[in-house]
Amino acid sequence: MTGEMVISVAERAIMIILLVSGPLLLIALVSGLAVSIFQATTSIQEQTLAFVPKIVAVLVGLVFFGPWMLSQVISYARDIFENLTRYIG
């Protein structure tokens, strides 16, 4: 395995991580922003109000994006194992 191959595998791993975590992070960002705006307009400063909607939103996002995220990770792992058997065998 060459250094070029290792860098290519690491680069693809970083891209998969960003691609898979992106939708959930975006959902958490949007729901947190909405809750913050709601808290600012109503002057409600409850600490748990900031976390519970974000957790629920991320869990709902995980239900919707979970199969796609899992398929991306499985595809990457399959490529890794195929390349590994190519260089070992």
PDB file of N, CA and C in Angstrom:
ATOM      1  N   MET A   1       0.847  -1.170   0.000  1.00  0.00           N
ATOM      2  CA  MET A   1       0.000   0.000   0.000  1.00  0.00           C
ATOM      3  C   MET A   1       0.893   1.233   0.000  1.00  0.00           C
ATOM      4  N   THR A   2       0.649   2.097  -0.922  1.00  0.00           N
ATOM      5  CA  THR A   2       1.482   3.282  -1.061  1.00  0.00           C
ATOM      6  C   THR A   2       0.963   4.420  -0.173  1.00  0.00           C
ATOM      7  N   GLY A   3       1.801   5.416  -0.019  1.00  0.00           N
ATOM      8  CA  GLY A   3       1.412   6.580   0.761  1.00  0.00           C
ATOM      9  C   GLY A   3       0.254   7.328   0.118  1.00  0.00           C
ATOM     10  N   GLU A   4       0.223   7.311  -1.201  1.00  0.00           N
ATOM     11  CA  GLU A   4      -0.865   7.941  -1.939  1.00  0.00           C
ATOM     12  C   GLU A   4      -2.198   7.282  -1.623  1.00  0.00           C
ATOM     13  N   MET A   5      -2.168   5.951  -1.509  1.00  0.00           N
ATOM     14  CA  MET A   5      -3.384   5.197  -1.210  1.00  0.00           C
ATOM     15  C   MET A   5      -3.880   5.505   0.201  1.00  0.00           C
ATOM     16  N   VAL A   6      -2.958   5.598   1.154  1.00  0.00           N
ATOM     17  CA  VAL A   6      -3.326   5.892   2.535  1.00  0.00           C
ATOM     18  C   VAL A   6      -3.947   7.284   2.633  1.00  0.00           C
ATOM     19  N   ILE A   7      -3.373   8.238   1.955  1.00  0.00           N
ATOM     20  CA  ILE A   7      -3.911   9.600   1.971  1.00  0.00           C
ATOM     21  C   ILE A   7      -5.292   9.628   1.309  1.00  0.00           C
ATOM     22  N   SER A   8      -5.465   8.878   0.242  1.00  0.00           N
ATOM     23  CA  SER A   8      -6.761   8.814  -0.425  1.00  0.00           C
ATOM     24  C   SER A   8      -7.826   8.211   0.487  1.00  0.00           C
ATOM     25  N   VAL A   9      -7.480   7.154   1.203  1.00  0.00           N
ATOM     26  CA  VAL A   9      -8.421   6.521   2.129  1.00  0.00           C
ATOM     27  C   VAL A   9      -8.768   7.476   3.266  1.00  0.00           C
ATOM     28  N   ALA A  10      -7.782   8.175   3.811  1.00  0.00           N
ATOM     29  CA  ALA A  10      -8.025   9.124   4.902  1.00  0.00           C
ATOM     30  C   ALA A  10      -8.872  10.304   4.422  1.00  0.00           C
ATOM     31  N   GLU A  11      -8.613  10.773   3.211  1.00  0.00           N
ATOM     32  CA  GLU A  11      -9.397  11.882   2.660  1.00  0.00           C
ATOM     33  C   GLU A  11     -10.859  11.481   2.467  1.00  0.00           C
ATOM     34  N   ARG A  12     -11.068  10.279   1.966  1.00  0.00           N
ATOM     35  CA  ARG A  12     -12.445   9.799   1.785  1.00  0.00           C
ATOM     36  C   ARG A  12     -13.127   9.591   3.128  1.00  0.00           C
ATOM     37  N   ALA A  13     -12.373   9.145   4.140  1.00  0.00           N
ATOM     38  CA  ALA A  13     -12.950   8.959   5.473  1.00  0.00           C
ATOM     39  C   ALA A  13     -13.423  10.285   6.047  1.00  0.00           C
ATOM     40  N   ILE A  14     -12.646  11.317   5.874  1.00  0.00           N
ATOM     41  CA  ILE A  14     -13.039  12.643   6.372  1.00  0.00           C
ATOM     42  C   ILE A  14     -14.269  13.133   5.623  1.00  0.00           C
ATOM     43  N   MET A  15     -14.320  12.917   4.324  1.00  0.00           N
ATOM     44  CA  MET A  15     -15.489  13.337   3.552  1.00  0.00           C
ATOM     45  C   MET A  15     -16.748  12.581   3.983  1.00  0.00           C
ATOM     46  N   ILE A  16     -16.620  11.284   4.256  1.00  0.00           N
ATOM     47  CA  ILE A  16     -17.762  10.493   4.710  1.00  0.00           C
ATOM     48  C   ILE A  16     -18.231  10.978   6.072  1.00  0.00           C
ATOM     49  N   ILE A  17     -17.296  11.293   6.959  1.00  0.00           N
ATOM     50  CA  ILE A  17     -17.658  11.799   8.286  1.00  0.00           C
ATOM     51  C   ILE A  17     -18.426  13.111   8.157  1.00  0.00           C
ATOM     52  N   LEU A  18     -17.932  14.016   7.334  1.00  0.00           N
ATOM     53  CA  LEU A  18     -18.614  15.300   7.146  1.00  0.00           C
ATOM     54  C   LEU A  18     -19.982  15.126   6.485  1.00  0.00           C
ATOM     55  N   LEU A  19     -20.054  14.239   5.526  1.00  0.00           N
ATOM     56  CA  LEU A  19     -21.299  14.005   4.812  1.00  0.00           C
ATOM     57  C   LEU A  19     -22.349  13.370   5.710  1.00  0.00           C
ATOM     58  N   VAL A  20     -21.927  12.428   6.551  1.00  0.00           N
ATOM     59  CA  VAL A  20     -22.862  11.715   7.411  1.00  0.00           C
ATOM     60  C   VAL A  20     -23.305  12.581   8.599  1.00  0.00           C
ATOM     61  N   SER A  21     -22.398  13.344   9.157  1.00  0.00           N
ATOM     62  CA  SER A  21     -22.759  14.145  10.336  1.00  0.00           C
ATOM     63  C   SER A  21     -23.407  15.471   9.963  1.00  0.00           C
ATOM     64  N   GLY A  22     -23.274  15.907   8.741  1.00  0.00           N
ATOM     65  CA  GLY A  22     -23.797  17.193   8.310  1.00  0.00           C
ATOM     66  C   GLY A  22     -25.286  17.404   8.519  1.00  0.00           C
ATOM     67  N   PRO A  23     -26.141  16.483   8.068  1.00  0.00           N
ATOM     68  CA  PRO A  23     -27.578  16.714   8.238  1.00  0.00           C
ATOM     69  C   PRO A  23     -28.005  16.844   9.703  1.00  0.00           C
ATOM     70  N   LEU A  24     -27.455  16.020  10.572  1.00  0.00           N
ATOM     71  CA  LEU A  24     -27.836  16.092  11.982  1.00  0.00           C
ATOM     72  C   LEU A  24     -27.325  17.366  12.632  1.00  0.00           C
ATOM     73  N   LEU A  25     -26.131  17.783  12.263  1.00  0.00           N
ATOM     74  CA  LEU A  25     -25.617  19.037  12.806  1.00  0.00           C
ATOM     75  C   LEU A  25     -26.439  20.226  12.317  1.00  0.00           C
ATOM     76  N   LEU A  26     -26.853  20.181  11.074  1.00  0.00           N
ATOM     77  CA  LEU A  26     -27.689  21.254  10.535  1.00  0.00           C
ATOM     78  C   LEU A  26     -29.052  21.294  11.219  1.00  0.00           C
ATOM     79  N   ILE A  27     -29.626  20.138  11.485  1.00  0.00           N
ATOM     80  CA  ILE A  27     -30.905  20.075  12.201  1.00  0.00           C
ATOM     81  C   ILE A  27     -30.745  20.641  13.609  1.00  0.00           C
ATOM     82  N   ALA A  28     -29.669  20.261  14.294  1.00  0.00           N
ATOM     83  CA  ALA A  28     -29.429  20.777  15.648  1.00  0.00           C
ATOM     84  C   ALA A  28     -29.221  22.286  15.623  1.00  0.00           C
ATOM     85  N   LEU A  29     -28.539  22.779  14.620  1.00  0.00           N
ATOM     86  CA  LEU A  29     -28.309  24.215  14.496  1.00  0.00           C
ATOM     87  C   LEU A  29     -29.610  24.979  14.288  1.00  0.00           C
ATOM     88  N   VAL A  30     -30.433  24.507  13.379  1.00  0.00           N
ATOM     89  CA  VAL A  30     -31.684  25.194  13.074  1.00  0.00           C
ATOM     90  C   VAL A  30     -32.639  25.135  14.263  1.00  0.00           C
ATOM     91  N   SER A  31     -32.759  23.967  14.889  1.00  0.00           N
ATOM     92  CA  SER A  31     -33.673  23.874  16.034  1.00  0.00           C
ATOM     93  C   SER A  31     -33.156  24.697  17.212  1.00  0.00           C
ATOM     94  N   GLY A  32     -31.856  24.732  17.442  1.00  0.00           N
ATOM     95  CA  GLY A  32     -31.297  25.560  18.505  1.00  0.00           C
ATOM     96  C   GLY A  32     -31.515  27.032  18.251  1.00  0.00           C
ATOM     97  N   LEU A  33     -31.373  27.431  17.004  1.00  0.00           N
ATOM     98  CA  LEU A  33     -31.612  28.830  16.648  1.00  0.00           C
ATOM     99  C   LEU A  33     -33.083  29.202  16.848  1.00  0.00           C
ATOM    100  N   ALA A  34     -33.979  28.305  16.453  1.00  0.00           N
ATOM    101  CA  ALA A  34     -35.410  28.568  16.630  1.00  0.00           C
ATOM    102  C   ALA A  34     -35.770  28.677  18.106  1.00  0.00           C
ATOM    103  N   VAL A  35     -35.216  27.790  18.927  1.00  0.00           N
ATOM    104  CA  VAL A  35     -35.491  27.847  20.365  1.00  0.00           C
ATOM    105  C   VAL A  35     -34.905  29.112  20.969  1.00  0.00           C
ATOM    106  N   SER A  36     -33.723  29.498  20.542  1.00  0.00           N
ATOM    107  CA  SER A  36     -33.109  30.725  21.058  1.00  0.00           C
ATOM    108  C   SER A  36     -33.927  31.960  20.704  1.00  0.00           C
ATOM    109  N   ILE A  37     -34.422  32.006  19.473  1.00  0.00           N
ATOM    110  CA  ILE A  37     -35.266  33.134  19.067  1.00  0.00           C
ATOM    111  C   ILE A  37     -36.559  33.133  19.876  1.00  0.00           C
ATOM    112  N   PHE A  38     -37.140  31.946  20.086  1.00  0.00           N
ATOM    113  CA  PHE A  38     -38.353  31.848  20.893  1.00  0.00           C
ATOM    114  C   PHE A  38     -38.102  32.315  22.325  1.00  0.00           C
ATOM    115  N   GLN A  39     -36.975  31.911  22.903  1.00  0.00           N
ATOM    116  CA  GLN A  39     -36.648  32.323  24.267  1.00  0.00           C
ATOM    117  C   GLN A  39     -36.412  33.828  24.348  1.00  0.00           C
ATOM    118  N   ALA A  40     -35.787  34.389  23.355  1.00  0.00           N
ATOM    119  CA  ALA A  40     -35.512  35.822  23.375  1.00  0.00           C
ATOM    120  C   ALA A  40     -36.787  36.645  23.234  1.00  0.00           C
ATOM    121  N   THR A  41     -37.716  36.169  22.421  1.00  0.00           N
ATOM    122  CA  THR A  41     -38.945  36.942  22.220  1.00  0.00           C
ATOM    123  C   THR A  41     -39.913  36.813  23.388  1.00  0.00           C
ATOM    124  N   THR A  42     -39.898  35.671  24.075  1.00  0.00           N
ATOM    125  CA  THR A  42     -40.845  35.479  25.174  1.00  0.00           C
ATOM    126  C   THR A  42     -40.215  35.710  26.537  1.00  0.00           C
ATOM    127  N   SER A  43     -38.942  35.966  26.611  1.00  0.00           N
ATOM    128  CA  SER A  43     -38.202  36.166  27.867  1.00  0.00           C
ATOM    129  C   SER A  43     -38.261  34.949  28.786  1.00  0.00           C
ATOM    130  N   ILE A  44     -38.415  33.777  28.219  1.00  0.00           N
ATOM    131  CA  ILE A  44     -38.364  32.536  28.999  1.00  0.00           C
ATOM    132  C   ILE A  44     -36.908  32.084  29.020  1.00  0.00           C
ATOM    133  N   GLN A  45     -36.334  31.957  30.200  1.00  0.00           N
ATOM    134  CA  GLN A  45     -34.926  31.581  30.314  1.00  0.00           C
ATOM    135  C   GLN A  45     -34.761  30.219  30.992  1.00  0.00           C
ATOM    136  N   GLU A  46     -35.561  29.273  30.591  1.00  0.00           N
ATOM    137  CA  GLU A  46     -35.488  27.925  31.149  1.00  0.00           C
ATOM    138  C   GLU A  46     -34.327  27.173  30.481  1.00  0.00           C
ATOM    139  N   GLN A  47     -33.464  26.567  31.287  1.00  0.00           N
ATOM    140  CA  GLN A  47     -32.279  25.884  30.761  1.00  0.00           C
ATOM    141  C   GLN A  47     -32.644  24.634  29.960  1.00  0.00           C
ATOM    142  N   THR A  48     -33.624  23.878  30.447  1.00  0.00           N
ATOM    143  CA  THR A  48     -33.962  22.635  29.754  1.00  0.00           C
ATOM    144  C   THR A  48     -34.654  22.891  28.425  1.00  0.00           C
ATOM    145  N   LEU A  49     -35.249  24.063  28.265  1.00  0.00           N
ATOM    146  CA  LEU A  49     -35.924  24.381  27.009  1.00  0.00           C
ATOM    147  C   LEU A  49     -34.940  24.440  25.840  1.00  0.00           C
ATOM    148  N   ALA A  50     -33.688  24.703  26.129  1.00  0.00           N
ATOM    149  CA  ALA A  50     -32.696  24.777  25.059  1.00  0.00           C
ATOM    150  C   ALA A  50     -32.276  23.386  24.574  1.00  0.00           C
ATOM    151  N   PHE A  51     -32.342  22.374  25.441  1.00  0.00           N
ATOM    152  CA  PHE A  51     -31.816  21.057  25.082  1.00  0.00           C
ATOM    153  C   PHE A  51     -32.872  20.081  24.571  1.00  0.00           C
ATOM    154  N   VAL A  52     -34.037  20.066  25.177  1.00  0.00           N
ATOM    155  CA  VAL A  52     -35.041  19.063  24.831  1.00  0.00           C
ATOM    156  C   VAL A  52     -35.484  19.162  23.368  1.00  0.00           C
ATOM    157  N   PRO A  53     -35.817  20.330  22.833  1.00  0.00           N
ATOM    158  CA  PRO A  53     -36.203  20.370  21.410  1.00  0.00           C
ATOM    159  C   PRO A  53     -35.070  19.952  20.465  1.00  0.00           C
ATOM    160  N   LYS A  54     -33.832  20.293  20.832  1.00  0.00           N
ATOM    161  CA  LYS A  54     -32.706  19.878  19.978  1.00  0.00           C
ATOM    162  C   LYS A  54     -32.557  18.365  19.973  1.00  0.00           C
ATOM    163  N   ILE A  55     -32.693  17.753  21.150  1.00  0.00           N
ATOM    164  CA  ILE A  55     -32.569  16.292  21.231  1.00  0.00           C
ATOM    165  C   ILE A  55     -33.670  15.617  20.425  1.00  0.00           C
ATOM    166  N   VAL A  56     -34.886  16.111  20.571  1.00  0.00           N
ATOM    167  CA  VAL A  56     -36.004  15.528  19.821  1.00  0.00           C
ATOM    168  C   VAL A  56     -35.811  15.721  18.314  1.00  0.00           C
ATOM    169  N   ALA A  57     -35.372  16.902  17.913  1.00  0.00           N
ATOM    170  CA  ALA A  57     -35.167  17.172  16.486  1.00  0.00           C
ATOM    171  C   ALA A  57     -34.071  16.279  15.905  1.00  0.00           C
ATOM    172  N   VAL A  58     -32.998  16.090  16.651  1.00  0.00           N
ATOM    173  CA  VAL A  58     -31.908  15.236  16.164  1.00  0.00           C
ATOM    174  C   VAL A  58     -32.361  13.778  16.099  1.00  0.00           C
ATOM    175  N   LEU A  59     -33.149  13.321  17.058  1.00  0.00           N
ATOM    176  CA  LEU A  59     -33.662  11.952  17.001  1.00  0.00           C
ATOM    177  C   LEU A  59     -34.597  11.749  15.817  1.00  0.00           C
ATOM    178  N   VAL A  60     -35.434  12.742  15.534  1.00  0.00           N
ATOM    179  CA  VAL A  60     -36.306  12.652  14.352  1.00  0.00           C
ATOM    180  C   VAL A  60     -35.457  12.656  13.079  1.00  0.00           C
ATOM    181  N   GLY A  61     -34.433  13.504  13.049  1.00  0.00           N
ATOM    182  CA  GLY A  61     -33.525  13.522  11.903  1.00  0.00           C
ATOM    183  C   GLY A  61     -32.793  12.202  11.737  1.00  0.00           C
ATOM    184  N   LEU A  62     -32.451  11.579  12.858  1.00  0.00           N
ATOM    185  CA  LEU A  62     -31.781  10.279  12.804  1.00  0.00           C
ATOM    186  C   LEU A  62     -32.697   9.203  12.231  1.00  0.00           C
ATOM    187  N   VAL A  63     -33.977   9.293  12.542  1.00  0.00           N
ATOM    188  CA  VAL A  63     -34.943   8.344  11.983  1.00  0.00           C
ATOM    189  C   VAL A  63     -35.033   8.518  10.471  1.00  0.00           C
ATOM    190  N   PHE A  64     -35.051   9.774  10.010  1.00  0.00           N
ATOM    191  CA  PHE A  64     -35.175  10.017   8.570  1.00  0.00           C
ATOM    192  C   PHE A  64     -33.870   9.783   7.811  1.00  0.00           C
ATOM    193  N   PHE A  65     -32.755  10.255   8.362  1.00  0.00           N
ATOM    194  CA  PHE A  65     -31.478  10.149   7.660  1.00  0.00           C
ATOM    195  C   PHE A  65     -30.666   8.914   8.030  1.00  0.00           C
ATOM    196  N   GLY A  66     -31.104   8.173   9.041  1.00  0.00           N
ATOM    197  CA  GLY A  66     -30.348   7.010   9.516  1.00  0.00           C
ATOM    198  C   GLY A  66     -30.037   5.968   8.450  1.00  0.00           C
ATOM    199  N   PRO A  67     -31.036   5.521   7.683  1.00  0.00           N
ATOM    200  CA  PRO A  67     -30.737   4.521   6.648  1.00  0.00           C
ATOM    201  C   PRO A  67     -29.728   5.016   5.612  1.00  0.00           C
ATOM    202  N   TRP A  68     -29.858   6.275   5.212  1.00  0.00           N
ATOM    203  CA  TRP A  68     -28.907   6.828   4.246  1.00  0.00           C
ATOM    204  C   TRP A  68     -27.508   6.919   4.849  1.00  0.00           C
ATOM    205  N   MET A  69     -27.429   7.356   6.109  1.00  0.00           N
ATOM    206  CA  MET A  69     -26.137   7.462   6.781  1.00  0.00           C
ATOM    207  C   MET A  69     -25.489   6.086   6.901  1.00  0.00           C
ATOM    208  N   LEU A  70     -26.281   5.094   7.285  1.00  0.00           N
ATOM    209  CA  LEU A  70     -25.754   3.740   7.424  1.00  0.00           C
ATOM    210  C   LEU A  70     -25.279   3.187   6.088  1.00  0.00           C
ATOM    211  N   SER A  71     -26.005   3.468   5.019  1.00  0.00           N
ATOM    212  CA  SER A  71     -25.580   2.971   3.703  1.00  0.00           C
ATOM    213  C   SER A  71     -24.273   3.620   3.260  1.00  0.00           C
ATOM    214  N   GLN A  72     -24.082   4.898   3.582  1.00  0.00           N
ATOM    215  CA  GLN A  72     -22.819   5.571   3.243  1.00  0.00           C
ATOM    216  C   GLN A  72     -21.647   4.938   3.987  1.00  0.00           C
ATOM    217  N   VAL A  73     -21.820   4.691   5.273  1.00  0.00           N
ATOM    218  CA  VAL A  73     -20.743   4.102   6.073  1.00  0.00           C
ATOM    219  C   VAL A  73     -20.463   2.665   5.640  1.00  0.00           C
ATOM    220  N   ILE A  74     -21.506   1.905   5.353  1.00  0.00           N
ATOM    221  CA  ILE A  74     -21.320   0.521   4.898  1.00  0.00           C
ATOM    222  C   ILE A  74     -20.616   0.496   3.549  1.00  0.00           C
ATOM    223  N   SER A  75     -20.979   1.408   2.653  1.00  0.00           N
ATOM    224  CA  SER A  75     -20.323   1.472   1.351  1.00  0.00           C
ATOM    225  C   SER A  75     -18.830   1.781   1.506  1.00  0.00           C
ATOM    226  N   TYR A  76     -18.511   2.707   2.399  1.00  0.00           N
ATOM    227  CA  TYR A  76     -17.103   3.043   2.636  1.00  0.00           C
ATOM    228  C   TYR A  76     -16.357   1.846   3.239  1.00  0.00           C
ATOM    229  N   ALA A  77     -16.971   1.180   4.204  1.00  0.00           N
ATOM    230  CA  ALA A  77     -16.324   0.020   4.824  1.00  0.00           C
ATOM    231  C   ALA A  77     -16.123  -1.105   3.809  1.00  0.00           C
ATOM    232  N   ARG A  78     -17.114  -1.311   2.930  1.00  0.00           N
ATOM    233  CA  ARG A  78     -16.989  -2.336   1.898  1.00  0.00           C
ATOM    234  C   ARG A  78     -15.822  -2.017   0.960  1.00  0.00           C
ATOM    235  N   ASP A  79     -15.673  -0.750   0.584  1.00  0.00           N
ATOM    236  CA  ASP A  79     -14.551  -0.342  -0.273  1.00  0.00           C
ATOM    237  C   ASP A  79     -13.213  -0.573   0.423  1.00  0.00           C
ATOM    238  N   ILE A  80     -13.162  -0.274   1.709  1.00  0.00           N
ATOM    239  CA  ILE A  80     -11.927  -0.487   2.471  1.00  0.00           C
ATOM    240  C   ILE A  80     -11.561  -1.969   2.481  1.00  0.00           C
ATOM    241  N   PHE A  81     -12.547  -2.833   2.786  1.00  0.00           N
ATOM    242  CA  PHE A  81     -12.263  -4.267   2.861  1.00  0.00           C
ATOM    243  C   PHE A  81     -11.911  -4.847   1.495  1.00  0.00           C
ATOM    244  N   GLU A  82     -12.543  -4.365   0.429  1.00  0.00           N
ATOM    245  CA  GLU A  82     -12.199  -4.842  -0.909  1.00  0.00           C
ATOM    246  C   GLU A  82     -10.773  -4.444  -1.274  1.00  0.00           C
ATOM    247  N   ASN A  83     -10.392  -3.217  -0.954  1.00  0.00           N
ATOM    248  CA  ASN A  83      -9.020  -2.794  -1.252  1.00  0.00           C
ATOM    249  C   ASN A  83      -8.023  -3.531  -0.379  1.00  0.00           C
ATOM    250  N   LEU A  84      -8.399  -3.841   0.855  1.00  0.00           N
ATOM    251  CA  LEU A  84      -7.507  -4.568   1.748  1.00  0.00           C
ATOM    252  C   LEU A  84      -7.237  -5.978   1.229  1.00  0.00           C
ATOM    253  N   THR A  85      -8.280  -6.665   0.768  1.00  0.00           N
ATOM    254  CA  THR A  85      -8.081  -8.016   0.239  1.00  0.00           C
ATOM    255  C   THR A  85      -7.289  -7.971  -1.074  1.00  0.00           C
ATOM    256  N   ARG A  86      -7.397  -6.884  -1.811  1.00  0.00           N
ATOM    257  CA  ARG A  86      -6.646  -6.755  -3.054  1.00  0.00           C
ATOM    258  C   ARG A  86      -5.147  -6.654  -2.782  1.00  0.00           C
ATOM    259  N   TYR A  87      -4.765  -5.960  -1.709  1.00  0.00           N
ATOM    260  CA  TYR A  87      -3.351  -5.778  -1.422  1.00  0.00           C
ATOM    261  C   TYR A  87      -2.761  -6.907  -0.581  1.00  0.00           C
ATOM    262  N   ILE A  88      -3.579  -7.606   0.177  1.00  0.00           N
ATOM    263  CA  ILE A  88      -3.063  -8.720   0.982  1.00  0.00           C
ATOM    264  C   ILE A  88      -2.988  -9.991   0.146  1.00  0.00           C
ATOM    265  N   GLY A  89      -4.049 -10.250  -0.603  1.00  0.00           N
ATOM    266  CA  GLY A  89      -4.143 -11.508  -1.331  1.00  0.00           C
ATOM    267  C   GLY A  89      -3.492 -11.500  -2.642  1.00  0.00           C
TER     268      GLY A  89
END
